[in-house]
Amino acid sequence: MQRVTLPEVGTFDAWREAARGALAADMPPEEIVWQRGQSGADLFGEEAPVPPAPEGARFTVPKSFLQTVRLALWHRDPERFARAYAMLWALQAQPRLFEDRGDARVAKLNALAKEVGRDKHKMTAFVRFRDIGASGDARRRFAAWFEPSHYIMEPTAPFFAKRFGDMDWTIVTPDLTAQFEAGKLSFAPGQAKPPLPEDATEELWGTYFRNIFNPARVKLKAMQAEMPKKYWKNMPEAAHIPGMIAGARARAAEMQAAAPSLPPLRAERITARFAETRAEMPGEGKMAEALAGCRRCPLWENATQAVPGEGPLDAQLMFVGEQPGDREDLEGRPFVGPAGQVFDRVLQEVGIARDEVYVTNAVKHFKFRPQGKRRLHQAPNNHEIDHCRWWLDLERERVRPKLTVALGASALRGLTGNGTGLLKRRGKLEMAGEQAVFVTVHPSYLLRLRDPQQRADEEAAFRADLAEVARLVAA
């Protein structure tokens, strides 16, 4: 029996290296005792480093397994490391085992990962900083105390470093302390709750919180599901919640009694102004500001900017692509890269003017993986497409084209909710709500074809599709 002690910082990387070494040494799961941080010697485990995996050793595991373990290992379950290694061991004999959600071992790892993911989300939402800096400091300084359910300080700290990179801050938890000073992130041991000073901005925040409270829409179970009571003691606005709930019924009755029986005349003017605001170009005004601040999925973290749609709001024809590419991400405009050049050329060949159509994407941020100095395109997953569908639906509502063209499977899913069977559905008309959708391939598909004859044939087919689109719009 061998005992492996993992550090409190860099835990996942240390486990991964130890697991690779153990796998290379053909050590079965029952012969290893795992632990995080120093503790007393194990009665059955001898402390000894696991030899590293030989250079060039390769172990293949599903991507979903690695993603799950990256979260699950931060759980407080004392068996989490053993569970992960046991699954890694089993995958060598059953490579597709992790696809079996009915397997108890797979289900348990997924459950641990889900709980950690939820805890990370709560931390990003409920950490409350207090100003601890002096007036003469070169950078603002803040500190916060948080009590997470799991060991999530290390994997969550980069979120705060990116979000609050213009200030120095410290987040203290019982397990680990994160410090961000002069743009550098470091970790120190956990500690007890420090005596943080009162912050003058908390009174203002409390006033805002009370004023946005709607007494007519109080749902205690839903509120506590999103904001569990365990976090309230460290959130200044939570002190107002009991009083607001206690007076909610009376306030709602007052609001109902004071409500007018008929809308005032000014309501028509307000409605007209609202319609004018919604009619602004997507690259301007409130919609562009809102899109720039979109955090509906994690793609915003690495992209340069959100890329809105482009074109006249009275366009009869709307084209929906997949997502911005490298050029689009840098310039902030859709379809300006290599695929956009193919798209423009074929549009011109079939007699469709680019400046008369509305062009957008199903996903508004560039998804990629870095390789040296290059950024290699990655297709958005269903989760990202579905979260961005809100923006696409808003664009469709604003433009209301006579015909919408789905360029590829991602656009097809964003428009209809189903992106499967693209080639079988190609060249056909479908309905997305009340709007007609014509299905074809994305122009980037043509660029990926290596055989010159196949590319010529597929470009001819794409040209025929757009010619049919032009005929349908003109009819």
Protein backbone atom coordinates (compact mmCIF):
# COMPACT_ATOMS: atom_id res chain seq x y z
CA MET A 1 0.00 0.00 0.00
CA GLN A 2 1.40 3.40 -1.00
CA ARG A 3 0.30 6.81 0.27
CA VAL A 4 0.41 9.83 -2.08
CA THR A 5 0.25 13.32 -0.53
CA LEU A 6 -0.90 16.11 -2.85
CA PRO A 7 -0.18 19.82 -2.24
CA GLU A 8 -2.91 22.29 -1.29
CA VAL A 9 -1.95 24.51 -4.25
CA GLY A 10 -1.64 22.94 -7.67
CA THR A 11 -3.62 19.93 -6.49
CA PHE A 12 -5.06 18.93 -9.85
CA ASP A 13 -1.74 19.08 -11.70
CA ALA A 14 -0.03 17.10 -8.93
CA TRP A 15 -2.76 14.43 -8.99
CA ARG A 16 -2.55 14.19 -12.76
CA GLU A 17 1.22 13.62 -12.71
CA ALA A 18 0.97 11.10 -9.87
CA ALA A 19 -1.88 9.28 -11.59
CA ARG A 20 0.10 9.05 -14.85
CA GLY A 21 3.08 7.66 -12.95
CA ALA A 22 0.96 5.15 -11.07
CA LEU A 23 -0.71 4.07 -14.29
CA ALA A 24 2.64 3.63 -16.00
CA ALA A 25 3.85 1.56 -13.02
CA ASP A 26 0.72 -0.61 -13.32
CA MET A 27 -0.40 0.22 -9.76
CA PRO A 28 -4.04 -0.84 -9.19
CA PRO A 29 -6.33 1.61 -7.34
CA GLU A 30 -6.56 -0.49 -4.18
CA GLU A 31 -2.80 -0.14 -3.60
CA ILE A 32 -2.83 3.68 -3.35
CA VAL A 33 -4.02 5.95 -0.52
CA TRP A 34 -4.52 9.58 -1.64
CA GLN A 35 -4.60 12.68 0.55
CA ARG A 36 -4.40 16.46 0.15
CA GLY A 37 -2.13 18.42 2.47
CA GLN A 38 -0.07 17.06 5.35
CA SER A 39 -1.71 14.80 7.91
CA GLY A 40 -0.76 11.96 10.18
CA ALA A 41 0.80 8.84 8.68
CA ASP A 42 -1.64 6.29 7.34
CA LEU A 43 -1.67 2.95 9.16
CA PHE A 44 -1.59 1.02 5.90
CA GLY A 45 0.16 3.45 3.55
CA GLU A 46 3.87 4.07 3.20
CA GLU A 47 4.82 7.61 2.14
CA ALA A 48 6.85 7.37 -1.05
CA PRO A 49 6.79 9.39 -4.26
CA VAL A 50 5.18 7.72 -7.25
CA PRO A 51 7.78 7.42 -10.03
CA PRO A 52 6.99 9.75 -12.93
CA ALA A 53 5.63 8.30 -16.14
CA PRO A 54 8.35 7.49 -18.67
CA GLU A 55 9.01 10.17 -21.27
CA GLY A 56 6.72 9.63 -24.23
CA ALA A 57 4.17 7.59 -22.27
CA ARG A 58 0.67 8.30 -23.58
CA PHE A 59 -2.67 7.54 -21.95
CA THR A 60 -5.86 8.26 -23.84
CA VAL A 61 -8.99 9.30 -21.96
CA PRO A 62 -12.23 10.96 -23.12
CA LYS A 63 -12.19 14.75 -23.03
CA SER A 64 -15.35 14.68 -20.90
CA PHE A 65 -13.53 12.66 -18.22
CA LEU A 66 -10.73 15.21 -17.93
CA GLN A 67 -13.22 18.09 -17.79
CA THR A 68 -15.19 16.34 -15.05
CA VAL A 69 -12.14 15.46 -12.96
CA ARG A 70 -10.85 19.06 -13.20
CA LEU A 71 -13.89 20.03 -11.14
CA ALA A 72 -14.49 16.91 -9.05
CA LEU A 73 -11.04 16.97 -7.41
CA TRP A 74 -11.88 20.25 -5.63
CA HIS A 75 -14.76 18.55 -3.78
CA ARG A 76 -14.49 17.81 -0.04
CA ASP A 77 -15.26 14.13 -0.56
CA PRO A 78 -12.22 12.38 1.00
CA GLU A 79 -12.44 9.64 -1.66
CA ARG A 80 -12.40 12.00 -4.65
CA PHE A 81 -8.79 11.29 -5.69
CA ALA A 82 -9.25 7.54 -5.34
CA ARG A 83 -12.52 7.69 -7.31
CA ALA A 84 -10.82 9.62 -10.13
CA TYR A 85 -7.86 7.24 -10.30
CA ALA A 86 -10.13 4.17 -10.17
CA MET A 87 -12.05 5.56 -13.16
CA LEU A 88 -8.79 6.35 -14.99
CA TRP A 89 -7.65 2.76 -14.37
CA ALA A 90 -10.97 1.35 -15.63
CA LEU A 91 -10.89 3.50 -18.78
CA GLN A 92 -7.73 1.78 -19.95
CA ALA A 93 -9.71 -1.45 -20.36
CA GLN A 94 -13.07 0.16 -21.22
CA PRO A 95 -12.37 3.34 -23.21
CA ARG A 96 -16.08 4.22 -23.57
CA LEU A 97 -17.01 3.58 -19.95
CA PHE A 98 -17.38 7.30 -19.15
CA GLU A 99 -20.23 7.54 -21.65
CA ASP A 100 -22.29 5.19 -19.45
CA ARG A 101 -24.17 7.60 -17.16
CA GLY A 102 -25.85 4.59 -15.55
CA ASP A 103 -22.53 3.43 -14.09
CA ALA A 104 -22.43 4.35 -10.39
CA ARG A 105 -18.77 5.43 -10.57
CA VAL A 106 -19.42 7.75 -13.51
CA ALA A 107 -22.54 9.16 -11.88
CA LYS A 108 -20.67 9.90 -8.65
CA LEU A 109 -17.83 11.78 -10.38
CA ASN A 110 -20.34 13.81 -12.38
CA ALA A 111 -22.27 14.61 -9.19
CA LEU A 112 -19.07 15.81 -7.46
CA ALA A 113 -18.18 17.99 -10.46
CA LYS A 114 -21.68 19.48 -10.56
CA GLU A 115 -21.57 20.42 -6.88
CA VAL A 116 -18.16 22.06 -7.29
CA GLY A 117 -19.35 23.96 -10.36
CA ARG A 118 -22.35 25.24 -8.42
CA ASP A 119 -20.11 26.27 -5.51
CA LYS A 120 -17.79 28.19 -7.87
CA HIS A 121 -20.78 30.01 -9.32
CA LYS A 122 -21.97 30.96 -5.82
CA MET A 123 -18.53 32.30 -4.95
CA THR A 124 -18.35 34.56 -8.01
CA ALA A 125 -21.82 35.86 -7.15
CA PHE A 126 -21.60 36.29 -3.38
CA VAL A 127 -18.06 37.52 -2.59
CA ARG A 128 -18.34 41.06 -1.19
CA PHE A 129 -15.16 43.18 -1.16
CA ARG A 130 -14.48 45.92 1.37
CA ASP A 131 -12.15 48.84 0.77
CA ILE A 132 -9.01 48.57 2.97
CA GLY A 133 -6.75 50.96 1.06
CA ALA A 134 -5.42 54.35 2.05
CA SER A 135 -5.96 57.54 0.07
CA GLY A 136 -2.31 57.72 -1.03
CA ASP A 137 -2.04 54.17 -2.36
CA ALA A 138 -1.07 53.78 -6.02
CA ARG A 139 -3.66 51.04 -6.48
CA ARG A 140 -6.98 50.49 -4.76
CA ARG A 141 -6.96 47.70 -2.17
CA PHE A 142 -9.86 45.49 -1.17
CA ALA A 143 -10.41 42.38 0.95
CA ALA A 144 -13.20 39.84 1.33
CA TRP A 145 -14.09 36.83 3.47
CA PHE A 146 -15.87 33.80 2.02
CA GLU A 147 -16.78 30.33 3.29
CA PRO A 148 -17.07 27.95 0.32
CA SER A 149 -18.48 24.47 0.63
CA HIS A 150 -15.51 22.95 -1.24
CA TYR A 151 -11.83 23.66 -1.98
CA ILE A 152 -12.62 26.09 -4.80
CA MET A 153 -10.39 29.07 -4.01
CA GLU A 154 -7.59 28.07 -6.39
CA PRO A 155 -9.75 27.29 -9.48
CA THR A 156 -11.99 30.33 -8.91
CA ALA A 157 -9.30 32.94 -8.21
CA PRO A 158 -8.46 33.53 -11.92
CA PHE A 159 -12.03 34.78 -12.43
CA PHE A 160 -11.47 37.56 -9.88
CA ALA A 161 -7.98 38.31 -11.26
CA LYS A 162 -9.47 38.91 -14.68
CA ARG A 163 -12.56 40.75 -13.42
CA PHE A 164 -10.74 43.01 -10.94
CA GLY A 165 -7.30 43.32 -12.51
CA ASP A 166 -7.18 47.07 -11.90
CA MET A 167 -7.00 46.74 -8.12
CA ASP A 168 -5.18 44.77 -5.41
CA TRP A 169 -7.33 42.38 -3.45
CA THR A 170 -7.30 39.53 -0.96
CA ILE A 171 -9.95 36.83 -0.58
CA VAL A 172 -9.67 34.89 2.67
CA THR A 173 -11.28 31.46 3.14
CA PRO A 174 -10.77 28.90 5.90
CA ASP A 175 -8.82 26.66 3.49
CA LEU A 176 -6.79 29.02 1.29
CA THR A 177 -6.13 32.74 0.87
CA ALA A 178 -5.80 34.31 -2.60
CA GLN A 179 -3.79 37.52 -2.98
CA PHE A 180 -3.67 39.69 -6.09
CA GLU A 181 -1.04 42.43 -5.95
CA ALA A 182 0.38 44.47 -8.84
CA GLY A 183 -1.19 42.10 -11.34
CA LYS A 184 0.23 38.91 -9.80
CA LEU A 185 -1.87 36.16 -8.20
CA SER A 186 -0.51 34.14 -5.28
CA PHE A 187 -1.86 31.87 -2.56
CA ALA A 188 -1.29 31.60 1.17
CA PRO A 189 -2.71 29.30 3.87
CA GLY A 190 -6.31 29.77 4.94
CA GLN A 191 -7.14 31.67 8.09
CA ALA A 192 -9.98 32.72 10.35
CA LYS A 193 -12.27 35.57 9.38
CA PRO A 194 -10.26 38.83 9.54
CA PRO A 195 -11.64 42.03 11.13
CA LEU A 196 -12.61 43.84 7.94
CA PRO A 197 -13.59 47.53 8.29
CA GLU A 198 -17.03 48.82 7.38
CA ASP A 199 -17.32 50.11 3.83
CA ALA A 200 -19.14 53.37 3.12
CA THR A 201 -20.43 51.99 -0.17
CA GLU A 202 -22.36 49.23 1.61
CA GLU A 203 -25.04 51.68 2.73
CA LEU A 204 -25.50 52.82 -0.88
CA TRP A 205 -25.61 49.20 -2.07
CA GLY A 206 -28.22 48.41 0.60
CA THR A 207 -30.37 51.33 -0.56
CA TYR A 208 -30.18 50.13 -4.16
CA PHE A 209 -31.01 46.55 -3.10
CA ARG A 210 -34.11 47.69 -1.17
CA ASN A 211 -35.31 49.79 -4.08
CA ILE A 212 -35.10 47.02 -6.68
CA PHE A 213 -36.98 44.59 -4.42
CA ASN A 214 -40.42 43.74 -5.84
CA PRO A 215 -42.77 42.75 -2.98
CA ALA A 216 -45.32 41.35 -5.43
CA ARG A 217 -42.89 38.69 -6.68
CA VAL A 218 -41.54 37.18 -3.46
CA LYS A 219 -40.77 33.46 -3.85
CA LEU A 220 -38.85 32.37 -0.78
CA LYS A 221 -37.92 28.89 -1.97
CA ALA A 222 -36.65 30.14 -5.31
CA MET A 223 -34.71 32.95 -3.64
CA GLN A 224 -33.05 30.66 -1.10
CA ALA A 225 -32.22 28.14 -3.83
CA GLU A 226 -30.22 30.85 -5.63
CA MET A 227 -29.00 32.64 -2.48
CA PRO A 228 -28.73 30.04 0.34
CA LYS A 229 -28.91 31.41 3.87
CA LYS A 230 -25.37 30.21 4.65
CA TYR A 231 -24.03 33.13 2.59
CA TRP A 232 -26.23 35.84 4.11
CA LYS A 233 -24.01 36.62 7.10
CA ASN A 234 -21.23 37.87 4.80
CA MET A 235 -23.46 39.87 2.44
CA PRO A 236 -24.36 43.40 3.60
CA GLU A 237 -27.61 43.51 1.61
CA ALA A 238 -28.85 40.32 3.32
CA ALA A 239 -29.51 42.26 6.54
CA HIS A 240 -32.43 43.94 4.76
CA ILE A 241 -34.05 40.72 3.51
CA PRO A 242 -36.07 39.71 6.65
CA GLY A 243 -37.63 43.15 6.94
CA MET A 244 -38.46 43.33 3.23
CA ILE A 245 -40.06 39.89 3.31
CA ALA A 246 -42.06 40.72 6.45
CA GLY A 247 -43.52 43.83 4.82
CA ALA A 248 -43.91 42.39 1.34
CA ARG A 249 -47.62 41.57 1.56
CA ALA A 250 -48.56 45.02 2.88
CA ARG A 251 -46.39 46.78 0.27
CA ALA A 252 -47.87 44.69 -2.54
CA ALA A 253 -51.38 45.61 -1.38
CA GLU A 254 -50.40 49.29 -1.35
CA MET A 255 -48.99 49.03 -4.87
CA GLN A 256 -52.17 47.36 -6.11
CA ALA A 257 -54.39 50.00 -4.49
CA ALA A 258 -52.31 52.82 -5.94
CA ALA A 259 -52.23 51.37 -9.46
CA PRO A 260 -54.26 53.35 -12.05
CA SER A 261 -57.27 51.67 -13.58
CA LEU A 262 -56.25 52.88 -17.05
CA PRO A 263 -52.76 53.56 -18.35
CA PRO A 264 -51.88 57.28 -18.31
CA LEU A 265 -51.55 59.17 -21.59
CA ARG A 266 -47.79 59.33 -21.18
CA ALA A 267 -47.67 55.52 -21.58
CA GLU A 268 -48.13 55.92 -25.34
CA ARG A 269 -45.13 58.26 -25.55
CA ILE A 270 -43.04 55.88 -23.43
CA THR A 271 -44.00 52.98 -25.70
CA ALA A 272 -43.02 55.00 -28.76
CA ARG A 273 -39.62 55.85 -27.25
CA PHE A 274 -39.11 52.18 -26.38
CA ALA A 275 -39.82 51.20 -29.99
CA GLU A 276 -37.31 53.80 -31.22
CA THR A 277 -34.67 52.43 -28.84
CA ARG A 278 -35.22 48.87 -30.11
CA ALA A 279 -34.87 50.16 -33.67
CA GLU A 280 -31.28 51.33 -33.11
CA MET A 281 -28.59 49.68 -35.20
CA PRO A 282 -27.05 46.69 -33.38
CA GLY A 283 -23.61 48.30 -33.53
CA GLU A 284 -24.85 51.35 -31.68
CA GLY A 285 -26.75 52.32 -28.55
CA LYS A 286 -28.01 50.22 -25.71
CA MET A 287 -28.11 46.88 -27.49
CA ALA A 288 -24.42 47.06 -28.40
CA GLU A 289 -23.58 48.03 -24.82
CA ALA A 290 -25.64 45.15 -23.48
CA LEU A 291 -24.05 42.67 -25.91
CA ALA A 292 -20.58 43.89 -24.94
CA GLY A 293 -21.40 43.03 -21.33
CA CYS A 294 -22.91 39.61 -22.12
CA ARG A 295 -21.88 36.90 -19.64
CA ARG A 296 -24.45 34.25 -20.58
CA CYS A 297 -21.69 31.68 -21.29
CA PRO A 298 -17.91 31.56 -20.60
CA LEU A 299 -16.82 32.44 -24.18
CA TRP A 300 -16.56 36.16 -23.33
CA GLU A 301 -13.57 35.49 -21.06
CA ASN A 302 -11.08 34.85 -23.89
CA ALA A 303 -12.65 36.69 -26.84
CA THR A 304 -11.51 40.20 -27.76
CA GLN A 305 -15.07 41.49 -28.07
CA ALA A 306 -18.63 40.49 -28.87
CA VAL A 307 -19.45 40.75 -32.58
CA PRO A 308 -23.00 41.98 -33.30
CA GLY A 309 -24.95 41.56 -36.52
CA GLU A 310 -24.62 44.07 -39.35
CA GLY A 311 -26.98 45.35 -42.01
CA PRO A 312 -30.19 47.34 -42.54
CA LEU A 313 -33.00 46.67 -40.07
CA ASP A 314 -35.53 46.53 -42.91
CA ALA A 315 -33.58 43.83 -44.79
CA GLN A 316 -35.69 41.18 -46.48
CA LEU A 317 -32.89 38.65 -46.16
CA MET A 318 -30.93 37.59 -43.07
CA PHE A 319 -27.89 35.29 -43.09
CA VAL A 320 -26.91 33.52 -39.85
CA GLY A 321 -23.45 31.96 -39.54
CA GLU A 322 -21.76 30.03 -36.75
CA GLN A 323 -19.54 32.41 -34.75
CA PRO A 324 -16.92 35.14 -35.32
CA GLY A 325 -13.51 33.97 -36.55
CA ASP A 326 -10.11 35.41 -35.74
CA ARG A 327 -10.50 38.43 -38.07
CA GLU A 328 -14.07 39.08 -36.98
CA ASP A 329 -13.04 38.94 -33.31
CA LEU A 330 -10.34 41.56 -33.89
CA GLU A 331 -12.38 43.88 -36.14
CA GLY A 332 -15.76 43.52 -34.40
CA ARG A 333 -17.65 42.83 -37.68
CA PRO A 334 -19.20 39.59 -38.98
CA PHE A 335 -18.00 37.74 -42.11
CA VAL A 336 -14.83 39.72 -42.86
CA GLY A 337 -12.36 36.79 -42.70
CA PRO A 338 -11.57 34.13 -45.35
CA ALA A 339 -15.04 32.54 -45.12
CA GLY A 340 -16.57 36.00 -45.42
CA GLN A 341 -14.64 36.66 -48.62
CA VAL A 342 -16.02 33.45 -50.16
CA PHE A 343 -19.48 34.45 -48.95
CA ASP A 344 -19.23 37.95 -50.50
CA ARG A 345 -18.01 36.58 -53.84
CA VAL A 346 -20.83 34.05 -54.16
CA LEU A 347 -23.39 36.68 -53.10
CA GLN A 348 -22.17 38.93 -55.89
CA GLU A 349 -22.29 36.07 -58.41
CA VAL A 350 -25.97 35.37 -57.69
CA GLY A 351 -26.95 39.06 -57.63
CA ILE A 352 -27.43 39.62 -53.89
CA ALA A 353 -26.01 42.90 -52.57
CA ARG A 354 -24.15 42.45 -49.28
CA ASP A 355 -25.13 45.93 -48.07
CA GLU A 356 -28.83 45.06 -48.47
CA VAL A 357 -28.84 41.97 -46.27
CA TYR A 358 -28.48 41.51 -42.52
CA VAL A 359 -25.57 39.25 -41.52
CA THR A 360 -25.02 37.84 -38.04
CA ASN A 361 -23.89 34.72 -36.15
CA ALA A 362 -25.56 32.18 -33.87
CA VAL A 363 -22.79 32.80 -31.28
CA LYS A 364 -21.39 36.28 -30.71
CA HIS A 365 -17.96 35.50 -29.21
CA PHE A 366 -14.96 33.76 -30.84
CA LYS A 367 -14.22 30.29 -29.45
CA PHE A 368 -10.68 29.08 -30.04
CA ARG A 369 -7.70 27.21 -28.64
CA PRO A 370 -4.27 28.86 -28.72
CA GLN A 371 -1.41 27.18 -30.60
CA GLY A 372 1.73 29.24 -30.43
CA LYS A 373 0.82 32.67 -31.79
CA ARG A 374 -2.21 31.32 -33.66
CA ARG A 375 -5.80 31.02 -32.46
CA LEU A 376 -7.40 27.89 -33.87
CA HIS A 377 -11.17 27.90 -34.34
CA GLN A 378 -13.28 25.61 -32.17
CA ALA A 379 -16.95 24.94 -32.93
CA PRO A 380 -19.34 26.19 -30.22
CA ASN A 381 -21.15 23.48 -28.30
CA ASN A 382 -24.92 23.19 -27.90
CA HIS A 383 -24.81 24.85 -24.47
CA GLU A 384 -23.09 27.95 -25.90
CA ILE A 385 -25.41 28.12 -28.93
CA ASP A 386 -28.51 27.84 -26.74
CA HIS A 387 -27.33 30.54 -24.33
CA CYS A 388 -26.62 32.91 -27.23
CA ARG A 389 -29.98 32.22 -28.86
CA TRP A 390 -31.47 35.05 -26.79
CA TRP A 391 -29.45 37.58 -28.82
CA LEU A 392 -30.25 35.90 -32.14
CA ASP A 393 -33.98 35.91 -31.37
CA LEU A 394 -33.77 39.61 -30.52
CA GLU A 395 -32.08 40.36 -33.86
CA ARG A 396 -34.70 38.33 -35.73
CA GLU A 397 -37.47 40.21 -33.94
CA ARG A 398 -35.90 43.57 -34.79
CA VAL A 399 -35.22 42.82 -38.47
CA ARG A 400 -38.17 40.50 -39.25
CA PRO A 401 -36.75 39.39 -42.62
CA LYS A 402 -38.80 37.74 -45.32
CA LEU A 403 -36.32 34.84 -45.35
CA THR A 404 -33.52 33.73 -43.02
CA VAL A 405 -30.64 31.56 -44.27
CA ALA A 406 -29.00 29.11 -41.84
CA LEU A 407 -25.33 28.76 -42.82
CA GLY A 408 -24.24 25.50 -41.18
CA ALA A 409 -25.30 23.29 -38.28
CA SER A 410 -24.65 25.82 -35.47
CA ALA A 411 -26.86 28.43 -37.18
CA LEU A 412 -29.50 25.77 -37.80
CA ARG A 413 -29.57 24.87 -34.11
CA GLY A 414 -29.67 28.53 -33.09
CA LEU A 415 -32.65 29.14 -35.37
CA THR A 416 -34.66 25.92 -35.04
CA GLY A 417 -33.31 24.27 -31.89
CA ASN A 418 -32.01 21.29 -33.88
CA GLY A 419 -28.71 21.32 -35.79
CA THR A 420 -28.50 17.63 -36.73
CA GLY A 421 -28.73 16.19 -40.26
CA LEU A 422 -27.55 19.35 -42.00
CA LEU A 423 -26.84 17.76 -45.39
CA LYS A 424 -30.21 15.96 -45.45
CA ARG A 425 -32.00 19.24 -44.70
CA ARG A 426 -29.87 21.32 -47.09
CA GLY A 427 -31.77 23.24 -49.76
CA LYS A 428 -35.08 22.97 -47.90
CA LEU A 429 -37.32 25.51 -46.22
CA GLU A 430 -38.15 25.13 -42.54
CA MET A 431 -39.98 27.27 -40.03
CA ALA A 432 -38.46 28.92 -36.96
CA GLY A 433 -41.44 30.37 -35.18
CA GLU A 434 -43.26 32.46 -37.80
CA GLN A 435 -40.18 33.01 -39.99
CA ALA A 436 -39.03 30.85 -42.92
CA VAL A 437 -35.50 29.42 -42.79
CA PHE A 438 -33.51 28.17 -45.80
CA VAL A 439 -30.84 25.58 -44.93
CA THR A 440 -27.36 25.41 -46.50
CA VAL A 441 -23.72 24.93 -45.54
CA HIS A 442 -21.34 27.49 -44.06
CA PRO A 443 -18.80 28.96 -46.54
CA SER A 444 -15.96 27.84 -44.24
CA TYR A 445 -16.92 24.27 -45.18
CA LEU A 446 -15.72 25.02 -48.72
CA LEU A 447 -12.36 26.25 -47.43
CA ARG A 448 -11.75 23.00 -45.55
CA LEU A 449 -12.04 20.84 -48.68
CA ARG A 450 -8.60 19.79 -49.95
CA ASP A 451 -9.58 18.17 -53.24
CA PRO A 452 -9.86 20.91 -55.94
CA GLN A 453 -12.62 19.13 -57.85
CA GLN A 454 -14.66 18.50 -54.71
CA ARG A 455 -14.27 22.13 -53.69
CA ALA A 456 -15.41 23.31 -57.13
CA ASP A 457 -18.45 20.99 -56.99
CA GLU A 458 -19.39 22.09 -53.48
CA GLU A 459 -18.96 25.77 -54.34
CA ALA A 460 -21.27 25.28 -57.34
CA ALA A 461 -23.84 23.67 -55.04
CA PHE A 462 -23.49 26.55 -52.56
CA ARG A 463 -23.91 29.04 -55.42
CA ALA A 464 -27.07 27.19 -56.50
CA ASP A 465 -28.42 27.39 -52.94
CA LEU A 466 -27.92 31.16 -52.79
CA ALA A 467 -29.42 31.56 -56.24
CA GLU A 468 -32.54 29.79 -54.95
CA VAL A 469 -32.51 32.12 -51.92
CA ALA A 470 -32.44 35.14 -54.29
CA ARG A 471 -35.37 33.68 -56.25
CA LEU A 472 -37.43 33.06 -53.10
CA VAL A 473 -36.88 36.62 -51.82
CA ALA A 474 -37.75 38.14 -55.21
CA ALA A 475 -40.93 36.04 -55.57
